[in-house]
């Protein structure tokens, strides 16, 4: 009887024998002990809380990002397609069937929409004519939003990378990992809160561990995060394209 080589267990010998048979008989290499995390950034091995932390750190450090999808807040649904970086952002927002463009450069916020958007406000019948006339003048122009106007606070948040990500990249409840997935061809590890009811976040396993897909808790929207670190032009519109409203904007 042949003795088992020193330093090896019976199970190891059996496994080697089985693998040899599989390889010899079929040419397959299914018994390979290759690390499933080989070639990844390694965050898939971490606990869920650390994965979330790494994703937040990567997001905060990135110079730019594109954020698209839906956000439900205070019973109102917004569809976003925004490009954001440290000193501003630009893109479109759709709400209640109306689409408008936002552009912020530094502290200067501009809003561009059609006449229907501007005429959608609470007013008396006597004001209808003047409202329509004002709306026609504002259509297709970049309207500079006064910093003291309520609209500034409401809309500027859509153009602020730090504020928007801080508010959105939040999961509610106990965190856990939920397997490997894929977002737009990129391998991800998914973390969930309260088994998914508190939201889920897919984090890239390739390159930097950026958050790529967020499903918010309570059916409050789904967002894709792409173009991490890709810079884009951000310039104020020309004077010919701009209207300085100079007073409180029409309610929308």
Protein backbone atom coordinates (compact mmCIF):
# COMPACT_ATOMS: atom_id res chain seq x y z
CA UNK A 1 0.00 0.00 0.00
CA UNK A 2 1.41 3.36 -1.05
CA UNK A 3 1.72 5.91 1.75
CA UNK A 4 0.15 9.33 1.41
CA UNK A 5 2.92 11.87 0.67
CA UNK A 6 3.96 13.80 3.73
CA UNK A 7 2.19 17.12 4.21
CA UNK A 8 -0.86 16.19 2.14
CA UNK A 9 -4.26 15.10 3.40
CA UNK A 10 -6.36 12.30 2.05
CA UNK A 11 -8.92 14.85 0.77
CA UNK A 12 -6.24 16.73 -1.13
CA UNK A 13 -5.09 13.53 -2.79
CA UNK A 14 -8.68 12.63 -3.71
CA UNK A 15 -9.33 16.08 -5.17
CA UNK A 16 -6.16 15.87 -7.26
CA UNK A 17 -7.18 12.48 -8.55
CA UNK A 18 -10.67 13.67 -9.52
CA UNK A 19 -9.27 16.76 -11.28
CA UNK A 20 -6.79 14.58 -13.16
CA UNK A 21 -9.61 12.37 -14.38
CA UNK A 22 -11.71 15.37 -15.47
CA UNK A 23 -8.84 17.01 -17.33
CA UNK A 24 -7.72 13.75 -18.94
CA UNK A 25 -11.19 12.65 -19.96
CA UNK A 26 -12.71 15.92 -21.13
CA UNK A 27 -9.99 18.50 -21.47
CA UNK A 28 -11.80 20.74 -18.99
CA UNK A 29 -10.15 22.70 -16.21
CA UNK A 30 -13.13 23.14 -13.92
CA UNK A 31 -11.14 22.08 -10.86
CA UNK A 32 -8.89 25.13 -11.04
CA UNK A 33 -8.38 26.86 -7.70
CA UNK A 34 -8.11 30.28 -9.41
CA UNK A 35 -9.22 33.19 -7.21
CA UNK A 36 -12.65 34.42 -8.45
CA UNK A 37 -11.52 37.95 -7.49
CA UNK A 38 -8.44 37.78 -9.67
CA UNK A 39 -8.31 40.83 -11.94
CA UNK A 40 -10.76 42.83 -9.85
CA UNK A 41 -10.09 45.73 -7.49
CA UNK A 42 -10.67 43.40 -4.52
CA UNK A 43 -13.62 45.16 -2.90
CA UNK A 44 -15.78 42.10 -3.47
CA UNK A 45 -13.97 40.42 -0.59
CA UNK A 46 -14.84 43.18 1.87
CA UNK A 47 -17.81 43.43 4.25
CA UNK A 48 -20.74 45.45 2.91
CA UNK A 49 -20.07 48.47 5.12
CA UNK A 50 -16.49 48.73 3.87
CA UNK A 51 -17.61 48.38 0.27
CA UNK A 52 -20.03 51.27 0.78
CA UNK A 53 -17.28 53.32 2.41
CA UNK A 54 -14.85 52.67 -0.47
CA UNK A 55 -17.54 53.61 -2.99
CA UNK A 56 -18.30 56.88 -1.20
CA UNK A 57 -14.61 57.75 -0.98
CA UNK A 58 -14.14 57.11 -4.70
CA UNK A 59 -17.23 59.15 -5.56
CA UNK A 60 -16.13 62.08 -3.42
CA UNK A 61 -12.66 62.08 -4.97
CA UNK A 62 -13.86 61.93 -8.59
CA UNK A 63 -13.72 65.19 -10.48
CA UNK A 64 -16.90 64.55 -12.45
CA UNK A 65 -19.82 62.18 -12.93
CA UNK A 66 -22.93 61.74 -15.04
CA UNK A 67 -26.10 60.89 -13.14
CA UNK A 68 -29.26 59.73 -14.91
CA UNK A 69 -32.53 58.15 -13.88
CA UNK A 70 -35.43 58.98 -11.60
CA UNK A 71 -35.75 60.48 -8.14
CA UNK A 72 -39.01 60.57 -6.19
CA UNK A 73 -39.14 63.17 -3.43
CA UNK A 74 -42.12 64.63 -1.57
CA UNK A 75 -44.45 62.69 -3.85
CA UNK A 76 -42.98 64.25 -6.99
CA UNK A 77 -40.99 62.34 -9.60
CA UNK A 78 -38.00 63.93 -11.30
CA UNK A 79 -36.21 62.40 -14.27
CA UNK A 80 -32.60 63.55 -14.30
CA UNK A 81 -29.77 63.53 -16.79
CA UNK A 82 -27.07 65.66 -15.19
CA UNK A 83 -23.31 66.02 -15.59
CA UNK A 84 -21.71 67.26 -12.40
CA UNK A 85 -18.36 68.43 -11.13
CA UNK A 86 -16.98 70.53 -8.31
CA UNK A 87 -17.78 73.97 -9.66
CA UNK A 88 -21.18 73.30 -11.20
CA UNK A 89 -23.25 71.11 -13.44
CA UNK A 90 -25.44 70.97 -16.51
CA UNK A 91 -28.23 68.78 -17.84
CA UNK A 92 -31.96 68.27 -18.01
CA UNK A 93 -34.71 67.67 -15.48
CA UNK A 94 -38.23 66.48 -16.30
CA UNK A 95 -41.12 66.79 -13.88
CA UNK A 96 -44.88 66.64 -14.44
CA UNK A 97 -44.31 66.30 -18.16
CA UNK A 98 -42.24 69.48 -18.41
CA UNK A 99 -38.53 69.36 -19.25
CA UNK A 100 -36.10 72.15 -18.45
CA UNK A 101 -32.35 72.54 -18.61
CA UNK A 102 -30.19 73.61 -15.71
CA UNK A 103 -26.74 75.14 -15.88
CA UNK A 104 -24.72 76.27 -12.88
CA UNK A 105 -21.27 77.79 -13.11
CA UNK A 106 -19.98 78.66 -9.67
CA UNK A 107 -22.82 80.46 -7.88
CA UNK A 108 -24.58 81.48 -11.10
CA UNK A 109 -27.59 79.31 -11.88
CA UNK A 110 -29.43 79.40 -15.21
CA UNK A 111 -32.69 77.73 -16.20
CA UNK A 112 -33.85 77.18 -19.77
CA UNK A 113 -37.37 76.04 -20.67
CA UNK A 114 -40.22 76.51 -23.13
CA UNK A 115 -43.13 78.93 -22.81
CA UNK A 116 -45.43 76.25 -21.38
CA UNK A 117 -43.09 75.74 -18.46
CA UNK A 118 -42.94 79.46 -17.66
CA UNK A 119 -46.70 79.98 -18.00
CA UNK A 120 -47.45 77.14 -15.56
CA UNK A 121 -47.99 79.18 -12.44
CA UNK A 122 -50.73 80.17 -10.03
CA UNK A 123 -52.28 83.42 -11.10
CA UNK A 124 -55.59 85.14 -11.63
CA UNK A 125 -57.43 85.28 -14.91
CA UNK A 126 -56.61 88.99 -15.14
CA UNK A 127 -52.92 88.10 -15.14
CA UNK A 128 -53.20 85.43 -17.82
CA UNK A 129 -52.38 87.75 -20.69
CA UNK A 130 -49.30 89.24 -19.05
CA UNK A 131 -48.14 85.80 -17.90
CA UNK A 132 -48.34 84.44 -21.44
CA UNK A 133 -46.46 87.43 -22.78
CA UNK A 134 -43.71 87.00 -20.18
CA UNK A 135 -43.52 83.27 -20.89
CA UNK A 136 -43.06 83.91 -24.61
CA UNK A 137 -40.13 86.20 -23.87
CA UNK A 138 -38.49 83.62 -21.61
CA UNK A 139 -38.94 80.68 -23.97
CA UNK A 140 -35.66 79.20 -25.13
CA UNK A 141 -33.58 81.66 -23.14
CA UNK A 142 -31.29 80.98 -20.22
CA UNK A 143 -32.94 82.71 -17.29
CA UNK A 144 -30.53 83.69 -14.54
CA UNK A 145 -32.07 82.60 -11.25
CA UNK A 146 -31.66 85.13 -8.42
CA UNK A 147 -29.77 83.59 -5.49
CA UNK A 148 -32.47 84.74 -3.08
CA UNK A 149 -35.31 83.15 -5.04
CA UNK A 150 -36.87 79.94 -3.68
CA UNK A 151 -36.25 78.36 -7.08
CA UNK A 152 -32.51 78.79 -6.60
CA UNK A 153 -32.44 76.57 -3.55
CA UNK A 154 -34.79 74.04 -5.11
CA UNK A 155 -32.97 73.69 -8.43
CA UNK A 156 -29.33 74.35 -7.58
CA UNK A 157 -29.18 71.08 -5.63
CA UNK A 158 -29.61 69.21 -8.92
CA UNK A 159 -26.35 70.78 -10.12
CA UNK A 160 -24.28 70.26 -6.97
CA UNK A 161 -22.22 67.05 -7.08
CA UNK A 162 -21.50 66.86 -3.35
CA UNK A 163 -25.03 67.69 -2.19
CA UNK A 164 -26.69 65.41 -4.70
CA UNK A 165 -24.47 62.40 -4.03
CA UNK A 166 -24.61 62.87 -0.25
CA UNK A 167 -28.39 62.86 -0.43
CA UNK A 168 -28.70 59.95 -2.84
CA UNK A 169 -25.94 57.48 -1.99
CA UNK A 170 -27.60 56.46 1.24
CA UNK A 171 -28.87 53.01 2.15
CA UNK A 172 -31.26 52.54 5.05
CA UNK A 173 -30.84 49.59 7.37
CA UNK A 174 -28.49 46.67 7.98
CA UNK A 175 -26.04 46.19 5.11
CA UNK A 176 -25.20 42.93 3.39
CA UNK A 177 -23.57 41.82 0.16
CA UNK A 178 -25.84 40.35 -2.51
CA UNK A 179 -23.61 38.62 -5.01
CA UNK A 180 -21.89 39.62 -8.23
CA UNK A 181 -23.70 41.41 -11.01
CA UNK A 182 -23.01 43.47 -14.13
CA UNK A 183 -23.89 47.05 -15.05
CA UNK A 184 -23.34 48.15 -18.64
CA UNK A 185 -20.70 45.47 -19.14
CA UNK A 186 -18.82 46.23 -15.91
CA UNK A 187 -18.65 43.60 -13.17
CA UNK A 188 -20.07 44.77 -9.86
CA UNK A 189 -20.67 43.65 -6.31
CA UNK A 190 -24.08 44.57 -4.93
CA UNK A 191 -24.77 45.68 -1.39
CA UNK A 192 -28.26 45.92 0.02
CA UNK A 193 -29.91 47.35 3.12
CA UNK A 194 -32.59 45.39 4.96
CA UNK A 195 -32.53 42.70 2.27
CA UNK A 196 -33.25 45.26 -0.43
CA UNK A 197 -36.11 47.17 1.16
CA UNK A 198 -33.63 49.80 2.31
CA UNK A 199 -32.14 50.18 -1.18
CA UNK A 200 -29.25 48.63 -3.08
CA UNK A 201 -26.00 49.82 -4.61
CA UNK A 202 -23.87 48.19 -7.29
CA UNK A 203 -20.17 48.99 -6.92
CA UNK A 204 -17.62 48.47 -9.68
CA UNK A 205 -15.19 45.56 -9.36
CA UNK A 206 -13.09 47.01 -12.16
CA UNK A 207 -10.76 49.96 -11.67
CA UNK A 208 -11.81 52.28 -8.89
CA UNK A 209 -14.80 51.08 -6.84
CA UNK A 210 -17.25 53.68 -8.13
CA UNK A 211 -20.97 53.33 -7.44
CA UNK A 212 -22.65 52.46 -10.75
CA UNK A 213 -26.30 51.71 -9.99
CA UNK A 214 -28.46 52.87 -7.11
CA UNK A 215 -31.95 51.61 -6.34
CA UNK A 216 -33.38 53.88 -3.67
CA UNK A 217 -35.42 52.62 -0.73
CA UNK A 218 -39.20 52.82 -0.86
CA UNK A 219 -39.43 52.90 -4.66
CA UNK A 220 -37.90 56.37 -4.55
CA UNK A 221 -36.10 56.02 -7.86
CA UNK A 222 -33.29 54.30 -9.73
CA UNK A 223 -30.11 56.07 -10.82
CA UNK A 224 -27.15 55.17 -13.01
CA UNK A 225 -23.79 56.80 -12.37
CA UNK A 226 -21.41 56.88 -15.30
CA UNK A 227 -18.53 58.85 -16.83
CA UNK A 228 -16.69 59.02 -13.52
CA UNK A 229 -13.74 61.42 -13.75
CA UNK A 230 -14.56 62.51 -17.32
CA UNK A 231 -14.30 66.29 -17.54
CA UNK A 232 -16.71 68.39 -19.59
CA UNK A 233 -17.07 72.03 -20.63
CA UNK A 234 -18.91 74.29 -18.23
CA UNK A 235 -19.41 77.87 -19.40
CA UNK A 236 -21.99 80.56 -18.77
CA UNK A 237 -24.30 81.32 -21.72
CA UNK A 238 -23.65 84.43 -23.74
CA UNK A 239 -25.51 87.67 -22.98
CA UNK A 240 -27.61 87.18 -26.11
CA UNK A 241 -28.86 83.88 -24.72
CA UNK A 242 -29.50 85.16 -21.20
CA UNK A 243 -32.36 86.94 -19.45
CA UNK A 244 -31.76 88.37 -15.99
CA UNK A 245 -35.26 88.06 -14.61
CA UNK A 246 -34.44 90.41 -11.75
CA UNK A 247 -37.36 89.36 -9.53
CA UNK A 248 -39.04 86.27 -8.18
CA UNK A 249 -39.45 83.64 -10.87
CA UNK A 250 -42.88 82.31 -11.82
CA UNK A 251 -43.87 79.36 -9.63
CA UNK A 252 -43.41 76.02 -11.38
